[in-house]
């Protein structure tokens, strides 16, 4: 009989009406829920400044690296560890004289005597514990795409005797792992990818004495084939913007999105790390708003990897000095806001998470459930549905329950 007259039947109906959509939500979002449950839960706030594009290029990088290192070494966490900036390194630039003479692409590597001071500044920072070197790419572009470009400014850039900044190139030509000779971009041949990966790994090892463990794909565009080649060469981690992007569209914009990824999710023989917060003083990013990103990541028990670029710290003093002051302010404000904040390199953090190090990771069920509930609310669509259906509250109750049992 409907409607039911017995209060117990009413209760059963209400529970059924609640469980049915809840079950559908769980089934539909099962892959996402599984991924965020498996994602490591940090016990401490973590801040890493990830800076791209250093290496072969303008010689003024030497002074910039030294000034950045001074700031990092002056800011230390409660363990005495100085702030760490990872340097995603570009290993080569065009050899202008050789290109003019041959009409073919030739490169000048970071191991060239011209870049000795830049290398020394990097190595000194590594010894101080403030720099950690990562691979960005042999070049910040795919050489055949540059050579085929009909843009006069690109051809001029290729043949300048003084090393130029890749930031001056059109955005679509700064992608290394796609053919942007024409747009939309096209995939590279597998054999070309394997050859290119082999070249960059070999040069990186020759310069820094070891195989790179962490790669930051230029412009965050790469493919499964590239990933597999990196893994075969010994790379363990790939820094991502939280999703995979494999091409550029007809307007040269990033496209071909392949879904979201989470910290330590596995790819083609590698583990992913997520870097989706930004600190670009040249774009007006202030320490205060970047601190808010650290607060959000800490609430979700995730590391805060901040993306920044060398361009912030190169150029005229009137632009560089404020950027350096903002960096110093950010680090000091972060330490003031979170006395338990930890500085660490991306590779070291990934290793700690992968090993399940209890000094870094939370393993108790109650706190993990509380974080799980909080992470769900930040997922588009699922967050709204979880609040509407009450899933968030159920998980919070479960976290409290297991917390009491553990105590």
Protein backbone atom coordinates (compact mmCIF):
# COMPACT_ATOMS: atom_id res chain seq x y z
CA UNK A 1 0.00 0.00 0.00
CA UNK A 2 1.25 3.46 -0.86
CA UNK A 3 1.77 5.71 0.90
CA UNK A 4 2.79 3.44 3.82
CA UNK A 5 0.95 3.85 7.09
CA UNK A 6 3.44 2.11 9.35
CA UNK A 7 6.24 4.46 10.63
CA UNK A 8 8.76 1.66 10.09
CA UNK A 9 7.75 1.40 6.45
CA UNK A 10 8.15 5.15 6.12
CA UNK A 11 11.65 4.85 7.52
CA UNK A 12 12.48 2.05 5.11
CA UNK A 13 11.18 4.12 2.20
CA UNK A 14 13.26 7.14 3.20
CA UNK A 15 16.38 5.01 3.59
CA UNK A 16 15.75 3.39 0.20
CA UNK A 17 15.24 6.76 -1.47
CA UNK A 18 18.53 7.90 0.06
CA UNK A 19 20.55 4.76 -0.66
CA UNK A 20 19.48 4.45 -4.29
CA UNK A 21 20.96 7.76 -5.53
CA UNK A 22 23.90 7.34 -3.16
CA UNK A 23 24.68 3.99 -4.75
CA UNK A 24 24.43 5.45 -8.23
CA UNK A 25 26.76 8.29 -7.29
CA UNK A 26 29.32 5.88 -5.85
CA UNK A 27 29.17 3.65 -8.92
CA UNK A 28 29.45 6.56 -11.38
CA UNK A 29 32.34 8.23 -9.55
CA UNK A 30 34.02 4.99 -8.45
CA UNK A 31 37.31 5.60 -10.35
CA UNK A 32 37.64 9.10 -8.90
CA UNK A 33 36.73 7.98 -5.39
CA UNK A 34 39.23 5.14 -5.60
CA UNK A 35 41.96 7.48 -6.80
CA UNK A 36 41.55 10.07 -4.04
CA UNK A 37 41.32 7.33 -1.38
CA UNK A 38 44.60 5.85 -2.59
CA UNK A 39 46.27 9.25 -2.84
CA UNK A 40 48.73 9.80 0.02
CA UNK A 41 47.53 11.77 3.06
CA UNK A 42 50.27 14.00 4.43
CA UNK A 43 50.75 14.52 8.15
CA UNK A 44 52.46 17.89 7.72
CA UNK A 45 52.13 20.97 5.51
CA UNK A 46 54.60 20.75 2.60
CA UNK A 47 55.74 23.56 0.31
CA UNK A 48 57.96 23.12 -2.75
CA UNK A 49 58.76 25.93 -5.18
CA UNK A 50 59.10 24.40 -8.65
CA UNK A 51 60.85 26.68 -11.13
CA UNK A 52 61.14 25.90 -14.85
CA UNK A 53 63.35 26.82 -17.83
CA UNK A 54 66.76 27.16 -16.13
CA UNK A 55 69.93 25.93 -17.80
CA UNK A 56 71.12 26.60 -21.33
CA UNK A 57 70.08 30.15 -22.16
CA UNK A 58 70.76 33.73 -21.03
CA UNK A 59 73.98 34.07 -19.06
CA UNK A 60 72.34 36.44 -16.57
CA UNK A 61 70.87 33.32 -14.96
CA UNK A 62 74.04 33.00 -12.88
CA UNK A 63 73.34 36.06 -10.77
CA UNK A 64 69.64 35.21 -10.56
CA UNK A 65 70.39 31.71 -9.25
CA UNK A 66 72.77 33.08 -6.65
CA UNK A 67 70.24 35.64 -5.40
CA UNK A 68 67.46 33.05 -5.25
CA UNK A 69 69.75 30.64 -3.38
CA UNK A 70 70.49 33.30 -0.75
CA UNK A 71 66.78 33.78 -0.08
CA UNK A 72 66.08 30.05 0.11
CA UNK A 73 68.95 29.38 2.50
CA UNK A 74 67.72 32.14 4.85
CA UNK A 75 64.33 30.43 5.32
CA UNK A 76 64.39 27.17 7.26
CA UNK A 77 61.69 24.92 8.65
CA UNK A 78 61.57 23.64 12.25
CA UNK A 79 63.94 20.80 11.30
CA UNK A 80 66.55 23.22 9.98
CA UNK A 81 65.88 22.31 6.33
CA UNK A 82 66.18 25.33 4.04
CA UNK A 83 63.49 26.11 1.51
CA UNK A 84 63.90 24.12 -1.69
CA UNK A 85 63.41 25.25 -5.27
CA UNK A 86 63.45 22.58 -7.95
CA UNK A 87 65.10 23.63 -11.19
CA UNK A 88 63.54 22.09 -14.29
CA UNK A 89 66.55 22.27 -16.59
CA UNK A 90 66.80 22.86 -20.33
CA UNK A 91 69.95 21.20 -21.64
CA UNK A 92 70.58 22.95 -24.97
CA UNK A 93 69.90 25.97 -27.14
CA UNK A 94 70.54 26.59 -30.85
CA UNK A 95 74.15 26.86 -31.99
CA UNK A 96 73.58 29.95 -34.13
CA UNK A 97 76.91 29.93 -35.96
CA UNK A 98 76.60 26.26 -36.91
CA UNK A 99 73.01 26.76 -38.07
CA UNK A 100 73.99 29.71 -40.27
CA UNK A 101 76.88 27.74 -41.74
CA UNK A 102 75.01 24.50 -42.43
CA UNK A 103 71.38 25.55 -42.80
CA UNK A 104 70.56 22.66 -40.48
CA UNK A 105 69.70 22.58 -36.79
CA UNK A 106 72.68 22.34 -34.46
CA UNK A 107 72.64 22.65 -30.68
CA UNK A 108 74.92 24.05 -27.99
CA UNK A 109 74.63 22.06 -24.77
CA UNK A 110 74.65 23.16 -21.16
CA UNK A 111 77.99 21.36 -20.86
CA UNK A 112 79.56 24.02 -23.14
CA UNK A 113 82.18 26.25 -21.52
CA UNK A 114 79.92 29.24 -22.20
CA UNK A 115 77.54 28.02 -19.49
CA UNK A 116 80.16 27.08 -16.88
CA UNK A 117 79.07 29.83 -14.45
CA UNK A 118 75.40 28.84 -14.76
CA UNK A 119 76.27 25.21 -14.01
CA UNK A 120 78.39 26.25 -11.04
CA UNK A 121 75.55 28.32 -9.57
CA UNK A 122 73.22 25.34 -9.88
CA UNK A 123 75.74 22.94 -8.35
CA UNK A 124 76.44 25.30 -5.44
CA UNK A 125 72.72 25.53 -4.71
CA UNK A 126 72.40 21.75 -4.77
CA UNK A 127 75.28 21.46 -2.27
CA UNK A 128 73.56 24.01 -0.01
CA UNK A 129 70.38 21.95 -0.14
CA UNK A 130 68.32 24.76 -1.69
CA UNK A 131 68.21 23.54 -5.31
CA UNK A 132 67.12 20.18 -6.70
CA UNK A 133 67.67 19.59 -10.39
CA UNK A 134 64.98 18.02 -12.59
CA UNK A 135 64.77 17.38 -16.33
CA UNK A 136 62.71 19.78 -18.40
CA UNK A 137 64.03 18.77 -21.81
CA UNK A 138 66.97 18.67 -24.16
CA UNK A 139 65.35 21.75 -25.68
CA UNK A 140 62.16 23.64 -24.86
CA UNK A 141 60.88 22.93 -28.39
CA UNK A 142 60.93 20.30 -31.11
CA UNK A 143 63.84 21.45 -33.35
CA UNK A 144 62.29 20.43 -36.72
CA UNK A 145 59.20 22.51 -35.92
CA UNK A 146 61.35 25.58 -35.27
CA UNK A 147 63.46 25.08 -38.39
CA UNK A 148 60.33 24.72 -40.53
CA UNK A 149 58.66 27.83 -39.11
CA UNK A 150 58.01 30.61 -41.62
CA UNK A 151 57.87 33.18 -38.82
CA UNK A 152 60.75 35.63 -39.38
CA UNK A 153 61.12 36.30 -35.66
CA UNK A 154 61.57 32.57 -35.04
CA UNK A 155 64.26 32.31 -37.71
CA UNK A 156 65.99 35.36 -36.23
CA UNK A 157 65.79 33.80 -32.76
CA UNK A 158 67.47 30.65 -34.08
CA UNK A 159 70.46 32.54 -35.45
CA UNK A 160 71.27 34.95 -32.61
CA UNK A 161 74.83 34.50 -31.33
CA UNK A 162 73.82 35.39 -27.77
CA UNK A 163 71.70 32.64 -26.14
CA UNK A 164 68.07 33.74 -26.17
CA UNK A 165 65.14 32.96 -23.88
CA UNK A 166 62.72 30.33 -25.17
CA UNK A 167 59.98 32.39 -23.55
CA UNK A 168 60.26 34.66 -26.62
CA UNK A 169 59.01 31.91 -28.94
CA UNK A 170 55.33 31.52 -29.91
CA UNK A 171 53.61 29.38 -27.27
CA UNK A 172 52.82 26.46 -29.57
CA UNK A 173 56.46 26.19 -30.64
CA UNK A 174 57.58 25.86 -27.02
CA UNK A 175 56.06 22.37 -26.82
CA UNK A 176 58.73 19.69 -27.20
CA UNK A 177 56.79 16.44 -27.58
CA UNK A 178 54.49 17.25 -30.51
CA UNK A 179 55.01 18.31 -34.12
CA UNK A 180 53.75 21.89 -34.37
CA UNK A 181 55.05 22.53 -37.89
CA UNK A 182 51.37 22.94 -38.73
CA UNK A 183 48.33 23.21 -36.50
CA UNK A 184 46.60 21.32 -35.11
CA UNK A 185 49.69 19.51 -33.91
CA UNK A 186 50.56 15.97 -34.92
CA UNK A 187 52.09 13.15 -32.86
CA UNK A 188 55.79 12.50 -33.26
CA UNK A 189 57.07 9.22 -34.62
CA UNK A 190 57.85 6.70 -31.90
CA UNK A 191 61.42 6.17 -33.11
CA UNK A 192 62.03 9.95 -33.06
CA UNK A 193 60.74 10.14 -29.49
CA UNK A 194 62.95 7.28 -28.33
CA UNK A 195 66.01 8.86 -29.98
CA UNK A 196 65.25 12.28 -28.43
CA UNK A 197 64.68 10.83 -24.96
CA UNK A 198 67.94 8.92 -25.22
CA UNK A 199 69.81 12.10 -26.17
CA UNK A 200 68.43 14.17 -23.31
CA UNK A 201 68.98 11.46 -20.69
CA UNK A 202 72.56 10.95 -21.86
CA UNK A 203 73.37 14.68 -21.76
CA UNK A 204 71.68 15.17 -18.39
CA UNK A 205 73.71 12.30 -16.93
CA UNK A 206 76.91 13.67 -18.40
CA UNK A 207 76.31 17.10 -16.84
CA UNK A 208 74.82 16.18 -13.47
CA UNK A 209 76.30 12.73 -12.93
CA UNK A 210 73.06 10.78 -12.64
CA UNK A 211 69.91 9.84 -14.54
CA UNK A 212 67.05 12.28 -13.88
CA UNK A 213 64.38 10.84 -11.62
CA UNK A 214 61.86 13.65 -12.15
CA UNK A 215 60.69 15.15 -15.46
CA UNK A 216 58.59 18.27 -16.00
CA UNK A 217 57.25 18.13 -19.60
CA UNK A 218 57.64 21.48 -21.40
CA UNK A 219 54.24 23.22 -21.59
CA UNK A 220 52.79 20.09 -19.92
CA UNK A 221 52.15 18.37 -23.24
CA UNK A 222 53.42 14.82 -23.63
CA UNK A 223 52.24 11.37 -24.72
CA UNK A 224 52.19 7.80 -23.44
CA UNK A 225 55.02 6.97 -25.84
CA UNK A 226 57.20 9.72 -24.33
CA UNK A 227 56.30 8.55 -20.85
CA UNK A 228 57.24 4.95 -21.61
CA UNK A 229 60.57 6.09 -23.09
CA UNK A 230 61.35 8.13 -19.99
CA UNK A 231 60.51 5.17 -17.75
CA UNK A 232 62.71 2.84 -19.80
CA UNK A 233 65.58 5.30 -19.32
CA UNK A 234 65.18 5.39 -15.52
CA UNK A 235 62.80 8.30 -14.91
CA UNK A 236 60.44 7.58 -12.00
CA UNK A 237 58.20 10.64 -11.64
CA UNK A 238 56.43 13.04 -14.01
CA UNK A 239 55.19 16.40 -12.72
CA UNK A 240 51.75 17.21 -14.14
CA UNK A 241 49.19 20.03 -13.87
CA UNK A 242 46.71 17.46 -12.55
CA UNK A 243 45.71 16.17 -15.99
CA UNK A 244 47.24 14.76 -19.14
CA UNK A 245 47.39 16.89 -22.28
CA UNK A 246 48.67 15.43 -25.54
CA UNK A 247 48.20 17.98 -28.37
CA UNK A 248 47.48 21.54 -29.47
CA UNK A 249 44.40 22.52 -31.43
CA UNK A 250 44.09 24.56 -34.64
CA UNK A 251 44.60 27.78 -32.66
CA UNK A 252 47.70 26.41 -30.96
CA UNK A 253 46.02 25.99 -27.58
CA UNK A 254 46.57 22.89 -25.40
CA UNK A 255 43.98 20.21 -26.18
CA UNK A 256 43.37 16.44 -26.18
CA UNK A 257 42.77 16.28 -22.43
CA UNK A 258 42.84 12.76 -21.05
CA UNK A 259 41.29 13.21 -17.63
CA UNK A 260 42.56 14.13 -14.19
CA UNK A 261 45.45 12.51 -12.40
CA UNK A 262 46.32 12.42 -8.71
CA UNK A 263 49.51 12.26 -6.70
CA UNK A 264 51.31 8.91 -7.15
CA UNK A 265 48.89 7.57 -9.75
CA UNK A 266 50.78 5.37 -12.15
CA UNK A 267 51.28 5.91 -15.86
CA UNK A 268 53.49 4.12 -18.37
CA UNK A 269 56.08 3.02 -15.82
CA UNK A 270 56.11 6.33 -13.93
CA UNK A 271 54.25 7.93 -11.03
CA UNK A 272 52.51 11.28 -11.42
CA UNK A 273 52.83 14.28 -9.14
CA UNK A 274 50.42 17.21 -9.23
CA UNK A 275 51.52 20.83 -9.52
CA UNK A 276 48.51 23.10 -9.98
CA UNK A 277 49.26 26.19 -7.90
CA UNK A 278 51.21 29.18 -9.15
CA UNK A 279 53.65 31.85 -8.01
CA UNK A 280 54.45 34.20 -10.87
CA UNK A 281 55.27 37.69 -9.50
CA UNK A 282 55.65 39.01 -13.05
CA UNK A 283 51.95 38.22 -13.52
CA UNK A 284 50.99 39.97 -10.30
CA UNK A 285 50.90 36.92 -8.02
CA UNK A 286 51.40 38.08 -4.44
CA UNK A 287 52.68 36.12 -1.46
CA UNK A 288 49.30 36.47 0.29
CA UNK A 289 47.27 34.78 -2.47
CA UNK A 290 49.90 32.07 -2.89
CA UNK A 291 49.73 31.43 0.85
CA UNK A 292 46.02 30.76 0.37
CA UNK A 293 46.96 27.96 -2.05
CA UNK A 294 49.16 26.41 0.64
CA UNK A 295 46.26 26.61 3.08
CA UNK A 296 43.95 24.83 0.63
CA UNK A 297 46.46 22.06 -0.05
CA UNK A 298 47.15 21.61 3.67
CA UNK A 299 43.42 21.24 4.38
CA UNK A 300 43.39 18.43 1.80
CA UNK A 301 46.60 16.86 3.19
CA UNK A 302 48.33 17.34 -0.15
CA UNK A 303 51.71 18.93 -0.90
CA UNK A 304 51.71 22.43 -2.34
CA UNK A 305 53.92 22.44 -5.44
CA UNK A 306 54.14 26.00 -6.72
CA UNK A 307 54.84 26.61 -10.38
CA UNK A 308 57.11 29.50 -11.21
CA UNK A 309 59.55 30.32 -14.03
CA UNK A 310 63.03 31.78 -14.35
CA UNK A 311 61.56 34.74 -16.25
CA UNK A 312 60.36 36.13 -12.92
CA UNK A 313 63.96 36.51 -11.79
CA UNK A 314 65.63 37.70 -15.02
CA UNK A 315 65.70 41.15 -16.54
CA UNK A 316 65.72 44.65 -15.17
CA UNK A 317 66.26 45.21 -11.45
CA UNK A 318 63.02 47.13 -11.08
CA UNK A 319 61.15 43.93 -11.98
CA UNK A 320 63.47 41.32 -10.47
CA UNK A 321 63.93 42.91 -7.04
CA UNK A 322 60.18 42.96 -6.22
CA UNK A 323 59.89 39.33 -7.38
CA UNK A 324 62.69 38.27 -5.03
CA UNK A 325 61.13 40.22 -2.17
CA UNK A 326 57.82 38.49 -2.86
CA UNK A 327 59.55 35.09 -2.78
CA UNK A 328 61.15 35.87 0.57
CA UNK A 329 57.82 37.15 1.92
CA UNK A 330 56.02 34.02 0.76
CA UNK A 331 58.44 31.66 2.48
CA UNK A 332 58.45 33.64 5.72
CA UNK A 333 54.66 33.99 5.80
CA UNK A 334 54.31 30.26 5.14
CA UNK A 335 56.56 29.46 8.10
CA UNK A 336 54.63 31.88 10.32
CA UNK A 337 51.26 30.46 9.25
CA UNK A 338 52.34 26.82 9.57
CA UNK A 339 55.04 26.29 12.23
CA UNK A 340 55.11 22.59 11.28
CA UNK A 341 55.74 23.36 7.59
CA UNK A 342 58.29 21.15 5.87
CA UNK A 343 60.55 21.97 2.96
CA UNK A 344 61.72 19.11 0.74
CA UNK A 345 62.55 18.35 -2.90
CA UNK A 346 59.93 16.84 -5.18
CA UNK A 347 61.95 13.66 -5.68
CA UNK A 348 62.49 13.15 -1.94
CA UNK A 349 58.81 13.77 -1.18
CA UNK A 350 57.73 11.33 -3.89
CA UNK A 351 60.05 8.72 -2.44
CA UNK A 352 58.65 9.23 1.05
CA UNK A 353 55.07 8.94 -0.21
CA UNK A 354 55.82 5.90 -2.33
CA UNK A 355 57.46 4.09 0.59
CA UNK A 356 54.60 4.97 2.95
CA UNK A 357 56.99 6.68 5.36
CA UNK A 358 54.95 7.10 8.59
CA UNK A 359 56.89 10.25 9.47
CA UNK A 360 55.32 11.87 6.42
CA UNK A 361 52.06 9.99 5.82
CA UNK A 362 48.90 9.46 7.83
CA UNK A 363 47.87 5.80 8.01
CA UNK A 364 45.12 5.90 10.67
CA UNK A 365 41.67 5.25 9.27
CA UNK A 366 39.85 8.06 11.09
CA UNK A 367 42.03 10.95 9.90
CA UNK A 368 42.20 9.44 6.42
CA UNK A 369 38.40 9.32 6.22
CA UNK A 370 38.16 12.94 7.36
CA UNK A 371 40.58 13.99 4.60
CA UNK A 372 38.73 11.79 2.09
CA UNK A 373 35.48 13.57 2.94
CA UNK A 374 37.13 16.98 2.52
CA UNK A 375 38.69 16.04 -0.82
CA UNK A 376 35.33 14.89 -2.17
CA UNK A 377 33.82 18.33 -1.60
CA UNK A 378 36.46 19.85 -3.91
CA UNK A 379 35.67 17.61 -6.88
CA UNK A 380 33.46 19.31 -9.53
CA UNK A 381 29.90 17.93 -9.55
CA UNK A 382 30.69 15.21 -7.01
CA UNK A 383 31.25 17.81 -4.31
CA UNK A 384 27.79 19.32 -4.81
CA UNK A 385 26.15 15.92 -5.03
CA UNK A 386 27.88 14.66 -1.89
CA UNK A 387 26.64 17.65 0.09
CA UNK A 388 23.13 17.33 -1.33
CA UNK A 389 22.86 13.61 -0.62
CA UNK A 390 24.64 13.77 2.73
CA UNK A 391 27.63 11.61 1.79
CA UNK A 392 30.01 14.19 3.19
CA UNK A 393 28.32 14.03 6.59
CA UNK A 394 28.33 10.23 6.62
CA UNK A 395 32.06 10.17 5.93
CA UNK A 396 32.67 12.78 8.65
CA UNK A 397 30.69 10.63 11.10
CA UNK A 398 32.67 7.55 10.07
CA UNK A 399 35.92 9.45 10.57
CA UNK A 400 34.84 10.45 14.07
CA UNK A 401 33.72 6.88 14.84
CA UNK A 402 36.99 5.30 13.76
CA UNK A 403 38.90 8.06 15.52
CA UNK A 404 37.19 7.22 18.82
CA UNK A 405 37.78 3.51 18.31
CA UNK A 406 41.48 4.11 17.65
CA UNK A 407 41.78 6.13 20.85
